[in-house]
Amino acid sequence: MIDSNSILLFVTDAPKSASFYAQLLGLEPIEYSPTFAMFILPSGLALGLWGKAGVEPAPTAAGGGCDLGFKVATADIVDTLHADWQGKGTTILFPPTDLDFGRSFVAADPDGHRLRVYNVAEN
């Protein structure tokens, strides 16, 4: 069995993206270079930001084709994070809304990667 332990996002400007995620997540990268940064999220998942100019094979898709999900415990945390991220100047694509699975909002990073914060409602 293979476990997923990392996600790599291809970015235009790795230092700019690293700064964005450090501010947004309140974390510092564990690896950093002019073309790459790696964060370890509290869940243990590694989030890599790789300057797409040096990727082989070259990426063919732009950001925004999927969501990077951040599951939180309650709907109140969704609203709190929305206010925090909005206060940091993050682009909000979808405001906090109650959906069929729970409460959610969607933000975007500088390359248009979608960041969905959500909670799962109890039935």
N, C-alpha and C. Protein backbone atom coordinates (compact mmCIF):
# COMPACT_ATOMS: atom_id res chain seq x y z
N MET A 1 0.84 -1.18 0.00
CA MET A 1 0.00 0.00 0.00
C MET A 1 0.89 1.25 0.00
N ILE A 2 0.50 2.23 -0.77
CA ILE A 2 1.24 3.50 -0.84
C ILE A 2 0.43 4.55 -0.10
N ASP A 3 1.09 5.28 0.81
CA ASP A 3 0.44 6.36 1.55
C ASP A 3 0.78 7.69 0.91
N SER A 4 -0.21 8.56 0.81
CA SER A 4 0.03 9.92 0.35
C SER A 4 0.63 10.71 1.50
N ASN A 5 1.80 11.29 1.28
CA ASN A 5 2.41 12.07 2.34
C ASN A 5 2.81 13.46 1.90
N SER A 6 2.55 13.79 0.63
CA SER A 6 2.89 15.13 0.18
C SER A 6 2.02 15.54 -1.00
N ILE A 7 1.89 16.85 -1.13
CA ILE A 7 1.25 17.47 -2.28
C ILE A 7 2.22 18.51 -2.79
N LEU A 8 2.45 18.52 -4.09
CA LEU A 8 3.32 19.52 -4.71
C LEU A 8 2.46 20.43 -5.58
N LEU A 9 2.55 21.72 -5.33
CA LEU A 9 1.88 22.69 -6.16
C LEU A 9 2.93 23.38 -7.02
N PHE A 10 2.68 23.46 -8.31
CA PHE A 10 3.60 24.14 -9.21
C PHE A 10 3.24 25.62 -9.20
N VAL A 11 4.23 26.46 -8.91
CA VAL A 11 4.00 27.88 -8.71
C VAL A 11 4.89 28.71 -9.63
N THR A 12 4.48 29.93 -9.89
CA THR A 12 5.24 30.83 -10.75
C THR A 12 6.47 31.39 -10.02
N ASP A 13 6.31 31.74 -8.75
CA ASP A 13 7.35 32.39 -7.96
C ASP A 13 7.42 31.70 -6.60
N ALA A 14 8.35 30.76 -6.44
CA ALA A 14 8.43 29.97 -5.21
C ALA A 14 8.63 30.84 -3.97
N PRO A 15 9.53 31.82 -3.96
CA PRO A 15 9.66 32.65 -2.75
C PRO A 15 8.37 33.42 -2.40
N LYS A 16 7.69 33.95 -3.40
CA LYS A 16 6.43 34.66 -3.15
C LYS A 16 5.39 33.71 -2.58
N SER A 17 5.29 32.52 -3.16
CA SER A 17 4.32 31.53 -2.66
C SER A 17 4.69 31.07 -1.25
N ALA A 18 5.99 30.88 -0.99
CA ALA A 18 6.42 30.46 0.35
C ALA A 18 6.04 31.52 1.38
N SER A 19 6.22 32.78 1.04
CA SER A 19 5.85 33.86 1.94
C SER A 19 4.34 33.88 2.18
N PHE A 20 3.56 33.69 1.12
CA PHE A 20 2.11 33.64 1.23
C PHE A 20 1.67 32.54 2.19
N TYR A 21 2.17 31.31 1.98
CA TYR A 21 1.76 30.18 2.82
C TYR A 21 2.29 30.31 4.24
N ALA A 22 3.48 30.85 4.43
CA ALA A 22 4.01 31.05 5.79
C ALA A 22 3.10 31.99 6.57
N GLN A 23 2.68 33.08 5.94
CA GLN A 23 1.79 34.03 6.60
C GLN A 23 0.42 33.43 6.84
N LEU A 24 -0.11 32.74 5.84
CA LEU A 24 -1.46 32.19 5.93
C LEU A 24 -1.56 31.10 6.98
N LEU A 25 -0.57 30.19 7.00
CA LEU A 25 -0.62 29.03 7.88
C LEU A 25 0.07 29.24 9.21
N GLY A 26 0.85 30.32 9.33
CA GLY A 26 1.59 30.54 10.57
C GLY A 26 2.70 29.52 10.76
N LEU A 27 3.27 29.06 9.64
CA LEU A 27 4.34 28.06 9.66
C LEU A 27 5.52 28.56 8.84
N GLU A 28 6.71 28.08 9.18
CA GLU A 28 7.90 28.35 8.36
C GLU A 28 8.22 27.09 7.56
N PRO A 29 8.73 27.25 6.36
CA PRO A 29 9.08 26.06 5.58
C PRO A 29 10.25 25.31 6.23
N ILE A 30 10.20 23.97 6.09
CA ILE A 30 11.31 23.17 6.62
C ILE A 30 12.43 23.06 5.59
N GLU A 31 12.10 23.33 4.33
CA GLU A 31 13.08 23.41 3.24
C GLU A 31 12.77 24.67 2.47
N TYR A 32 13.83 25.32 1.99
CA TYR A 32 13.61 26.55 1.23
C TYR A 32 14.78 26.78 0.29
N SER A 33 14.45 27.11 -0.95
CA SER A 33 15.45 27.53 -1.93
C SER A 33 14.75 28.49 -2.88
N PRO A 34 15.46 29.11 -3.81
CA PRO A 34 14.80 30.02 -4.75
C PRO A 34 13.76 29.35 -5.64
N THR A 35 13.79 28.02 -5.74
CA THR A 35 12.85 27.32 -6.62
C THR A 35 11.92 26.36 -5.89
N PHE A 36 12.05 26.24 -4.57
CA PHE A 36 11.26 25.22 -3.85
C PHE A 36 11.11 25.59 -2.38
N ALA A 37 9.95 25.27 -1.82
CA ALA A 37 9.72 25.38 -0.38
C ALA A 37 8.85 24.21 0.05
N MET A 38 9.09 23.72 1.27
CA MET A 38 8.31 22.60 1.80
C MET A 38 7.84 22.94 3.21
N PHE A 39 6.53 22.78 3.42
CA PHE A 39 5.91 22.97 4.73
C PHE A 39 5.40 21.63 5.22
N ILE A 40 5.43 21.41 6.52
CA ILE A 40 4.79 20.24 7.11
C ILE A 40 3.57 20.75 7.87
N LEU A 41 2.40 20.34 7.42
CA LEU A 41 1.16 20.76 8.05
C LEU A 41 0.94 19.98 9.34
N PRO A 42 0.10 20.49 10.25
CA PRO A 42 -0.13 19.79 11.52
C PRO A 42 -0.59 18.34 11.35
N SER A 43 -1.24 18.03 10.24
CA SER A 43 -1.69 16.65 9.99
C SER A 43 -0.53 15.72 9.63
N GLY A 44 0.64 16.30 9.33
CA GLY A 44 1.78 15.52 8.87
C GLY A 44 1.96 15.56 7.37
N LEU A 45 0.97 16.06 6.66
CA LEU A 45 1.07 16.17 5.20
C LEU A 45 2.10 17.22 4.83
N ALA A 46 2.96 16.90 3.89
CA ALA A 46 3.95 17.85 3.39
C ALA A 46 3.35 18.61 2.21
N LEU A 47 3.48 19.93 2.24
CA LEU A 47 3.00 20.79 1.16
C LEU A 47 4.23 21.41 0.50
N GLY A 48 4.50 21.01 -0.74
CA GLY A 48 5.63 21.53 -1.47
C GLY A 48 5.20 22.55 -2.50
N LEU A 49 6.00 23.59 -2.64
CA LEU A 49 5.77 24.65 -3.63
C LEU A 49 6.97 24.65 -4.55
N TRP A 50 6.77 24.26 -5.78
CA TRP A 50 7.87 24.05 -6.72
C TRP A 50 7.75 25.02 -7.88
N GLY A 51 8.77 25.82 -8.10
CA GLY A 51 8.77 26.75 -9.22
C GLY A 51 8.62 25.99 -10.52
N LYS A 52 7.54 26.23 -11.25
CA LYS A 52 7.21 25.40 -12.39
C LYS A 52 8.20 25.51 -13.54
N ALA A 53 9.03 26.54 -13.55
CA ALA A 53 10.02 26.68 -14.63
C ALA A 53 11.05 25.55 -14.61
N GLY A 54 11.28 24.92 -13.47
CA GLY A 54 12.29 23.87 -13.38
C GLY A 54 11.75 22.46 -13.29
N VAL A 55 10.46 22.29 -13.44
CA VAL A 55 9.84 20.97 -13.27
C VAL A 55 9.97 20.16 -14.55
N GLU A 56 10.35 18.90 -14.41
CA GLU A 56 10.40 17.96 -15.54
C GLU A 56 9.56 16.74 -15.21
N PRO A 57 8.65 16.32 -16.05
CA PRO A 57 8.19 17.02 -17.23
C PRO A 57 7.45 18.30 -16.84
N ALA A 58 7.44 19.24 -17.73
CA ALA A 58 6.81 20.54 -17.47
C ALA A 58 5.32 20.37 -17.18
N PRO A 59 4.81 21.07 -16.16
CA PRO A 59 3.37 21.00 -15.88
C PRO A 59 2.58 21.64 -17.01
N THR A 60 1.42 21.09 -17.29
CA THR A 60 0.60 21.61 -18.39
C THR A 60 -0.68 22.27 -17.91
N ALA A 61 -1.02 22.09 -16.63
CA ALA A 61 -2.26 22.67 -16.09
C ALA A 61 -1.94 23.85 -15.19
N ALA A 62 -2.86 24.80 -15.15
CA ALA A 62 -2.73 25.96 -14.27
C ALA A 62 -3.45 25.67 -12.95
N GLY A 63 -3.19 26.50 -11.95
CA GLY A 63 -3.86 26.34 -10.66
C GLY A 63 -5.36 26.52 -10.79
N GLY A 64 -6.08 25.98 -9.83
CA GLY A 64 -7.52 26.16 -9.79
C GLY A 64 -8.31 24.95 -10.24
N GLY A 65 -7.63 23.89 -10.66
CA GLY A 65 -8.31 22.70 -11.15
C GLY A 65 -8.78 21.75 -10.07
N CYS A 66 -8.41 22.03 -8.81
CA CYS A 66 -8.84 21.20 -7.69
C CYS A 66 -8.76 22.03 -6.42
N ASP A 67 -9.24 21.50 -5.32
CA ASP A 67 -9.15 22.17 -4.02
C ASP A 67 -8.12 21.48 -3.15
N LEU A 68 -7.33 22.26 -2.44
CA LEU A 68 -6.51 21.77 -1.34
C LEU A 68 -7.35 22.00 -0.10
N GLY A 69 -7.78 20.91 0.54
CA GLY A 69 -8.73 21.01 1.64
C GLY A 69 -8.07 21.12 3.00
N PHE A 70 -8.64 21.99 3.84
CA PHE A 70 -8.21 22.16 5.23
C PHE A 70 -9.44 21.91 6.10
N LYS A 71 -9.54 20.69 6.65
CA LYS A 71 -10.69 20.32 7.48
C LYS A 71 -10.48 20.87 8.89
N VAL A 72 -11.52 21.51 9.42
CA VAL A 72 -11.49 22.04 10.79
C VAL A 72 -12.65 21.44 11.58
N ALA A 73 -12.59 21.59 12.89
CA ALA A 73 -13.52 20.89 13.78
C ALA A 73 -14.94 21.46 13.80
N THR A 74 -15.07 22.79 13.64
CA THR A 74 -16.40 23.39 13.78
C THR A 74 -16.65 24.45 12.72
N ALA A 75 -17.93 24.78 12.54
CA ALA A 75 -18.31 25.85 11.62
C ALA A 75 -17.77 27.19 12.10
N ASP A 76 -17.68 27.39 13.42
CA ASP A 76 -17.14 28.64 13.95
C ASP A 76 -15.69 28.83 13.53
N ILE A 77 -14.92 27.76 13.46
CA ILE A 77 -13.52 27.85 13.04
C ILE A 77 -13.44 28.24 11.57
N VAL A 78 -14.37 27.74 10.77
CA VAL A 78 -14.43 28.14 9.35
C VAL A 78 -14.56 29.67 9.28
N ASP A 79 -15.49 30.22 10.05
CA ASP A 79 -15.73 31.66 10.02
C ASP A 79 -14.52 32.44 10.56
N THR A 80 -13.90 31.93 11.62
CA THR A 80 -12.72 32.58 12.19
C THR A 80 -11.57 32.61 11.21
N LEU A 81 -11.31 31.48 10.54
CA LEU A 81 -10.23 31.43 9.56
C LEU A 81 -10.53 32.33 8.35
N HIS A 82 -11.78 32.38 7.94
CA HIS A 82 -12.16 33.26 6.85
C HIS A 82 -11.80 34.70 7.19
N ALA A 83 -12.18 35.16 8.38
CA ALA A 83 -11.88 36.53 8.80
C ALA A 83 -10.37 36.75 8.87
N ASP A 84 -9.64 35.77 9.41
CA ASP A 84 -8.19 35.87 9.52
C ASP A 84 -7.54 35.96 8.14
N TRP A 85 -7.90 35.05 7.24
CA TRP A 85 -7.30 35.02 5.91
C TRP A 85 -7.67 36.28 5.12
N GLN A 86 -8.91 36.71 5.25
CA GLN A 86 -9.33 37.93 4.56
C GLN A 86 -8.55 39.13 5.08
N GLY A 87 -8.31 39.16 6.39
CA GLY A 87 -7.53 40.23 6.99
C GLY A 87 -6.08 40.24 6.53
N LYS A 88 -5.59 39.10 6.07
CA LYS A 88 -4.22 39.00 5.55
C LYS A 88 -4.15 39.30 4.06
N GLY A 89 -5.29 39.70 3.48
CA GLY A 89 -5.32 40.07 2.07
C GLY A 89 -5.49 38.91 1.11
N THR A 90 -5.86 37.75 1.61
CA THR A 90 -6.06 36.58 0.77
C THR A 90 -7.29 36.77 -0.12
N THR A 91 -7.19 36.38 -1.37
CA THR A 91 -8.33 36.44 -2.29
C THR A 91 -9.35 35.38 -1.88
N ILE A 92 -10.56 35.80 -1.62
CA ILE A 92 -11.65 34.89 -1.26
C ILE A 92 -12.50 34.67 -2.51
N LEU A 93 -12.60 33.41 -2.91
CA LEU A 93 -13.40 33.06 -4.09
C LEU A 93 -14.84 32.74 -3.75
N PHE A 94 -15.07 32.27 -2.52
CA PHE A 94 -16.39 31.81 -2.10
C PHE A 94 -16.49 32.07 -0.60
N PRO A 95 -17.43 32.90 -0.15
CA PRO A 95 -17.52 33.24 1.27
C PRO A 95 -18.03 32.06 2.10
N PRO A 96 -17.90 32.14 3.42
CA PRO A 96 -18.43 31.05 4.26
C PRO A 96 -19.90 30.80 3.96
N THR A 97 -20.19 29.54 3.65
CA THR A 97 -21.53 29.14 3.24
C THR A 97 -21.81 27.75 3.80
N ASP A 98 -23.06 27.53 4.22
CA ASP A 98 -23.48 26.21 4.66
C ASP A 98 -23.84 25.40 3.43
N LEU A 99 -23.11 24.30 3.21
CA LEU A 99 -23.35 23.40 2.08
C LEU A 99 -23.90 22.09 2.61
N ASP A 100 -24.21 21.15 1.73
CA ASP A 100 -24.83 19.90 2.18
C ASP A 100 -23.92 19.08 3.10
N PHE A 101 -22.61 19.25 3.04
CA PHE A 101 -21.69 18.48 3.88
C PHE A 101 -21.24 19.23 5.12
N GLY A 102 -21.41 20.56 5.14
CA GLY A 102 -20.96 21.37 6.26
C GLY A 102 -20.70 22.79 5.80
N ARG A 103 -20.02 23.55 6.63
CA ARG A 103 -19.72 24.95 6.32
C ARG A 103 -18.36 25.04 5.63
N SER A 104 -18.23 25.97 4.66
CA SER A 104 -17.02 26.02 3.86
C SER A 104 -16.80 27.41 3.29
N PHE A 105 -15.52 27.74 3.04
CA PHE A 105 -15.18 28.88 2.19
C PHE A 105 -14.00 28.48 1.33
N VAL A 106 -13.79 29.23 0.24
CA VAL A 106 -12.70 28.93 -0.68
C VAL A 106 -11.90 30.21 -0.90
N ALA A 107 -10.58 30.08 -0.77
CA ALA A 107 -9.64 31.17 -1.04
C ALA A 107 -8.74 30.73 -2.19
N ALA A 108 -7.89 31.66 -2.65
CA ALA A 108 -6.95 31.34 -3.72
C ALA A 108 -5.56 31.84 -3.34
N ASP A 109 -4.55 31.05 -3.72
CA ASP A 109 -3.17 31.49 -3.53
C ASP A 109 -2.75 32.34 -4.73
N PRO A 110 -1.52 32.87 -4.74
CA PRO A 110 -1.13 33.75 -5.84
C PRO A 110 -1.17 33.11 -7.24
N ASP A 111 -1.12 31.78 -7.32
CA ASP A 111 -1.19 31.10 -8.61
C ASP A 111 -2.59 30.60 -8.95
N GLY A 112 -3.56 30.92 -8.12
CA GLY A 112 -4.93 30.49 -8.37
C GLY A 112 -5.28 29.12 -7.83
N HIS A 113 -4.38 28.49 -7.06
CA HIS A 113 -4.72 27.22 -6.42
C HIS A 113 -5.81 27.48 -5.39
N ARG A 114 -6.83 26.65 -5.43
CA ARG A 114 -7.99 26.83 -4.55
C ARG A 114 -7.74 26.18 -3.20
N LEU A 115 -8.01 26.93 -2.14
CA LEU A 115 -7.82 26.47 -0.76
C LEU A 115 -9.18 26.45 -0.09
N ARG A 116 -9.69 25.24 0.16
CA ARG A 116 -11.02 25.11 0.76
C ARG A 116 -10.89 24.79 2.24
N VAL A 117 -11.46 25.65 3.08
CA VAL A 117 -11.56 25.40 4.51
C VAL A 117 -12.99 24.92 4.75
N TYR A 118 -13.13 23.83 5.49
CA TYR A 118 -14.46 23.26 5.68
C TYR A 118 -14.55 22.49 6.98
N ASN A 119 -15.78 22.30 7.44
CA ASN A 119 -16.04 21.36 8.52
C ASN A 119 -17.11 20.41 8.01
N VAL A 120 -17.18 19.27 8.63
CA VAL A 120 -18.19 18.27 8.27
C VAL A 120 -19.28 18.33 9.32
N ALA A 121 -20.49 18.64 8.87
CA ALA A 121 -21.63 18.76 9.80
C ALA A 121 -22.00 17.40 10.35
N GLU A 122 -22.38 17.41 11.62
CA GLU A 122 -22.86 16.17 12.23
C GLU A 122 -24.30 15.95 11.83
N ASN A 123 -24.63 14.69 11.54
CA ASN A 123 -26.02 14.37 11.15
C ASN A 123 -26.85 14.04 12.34
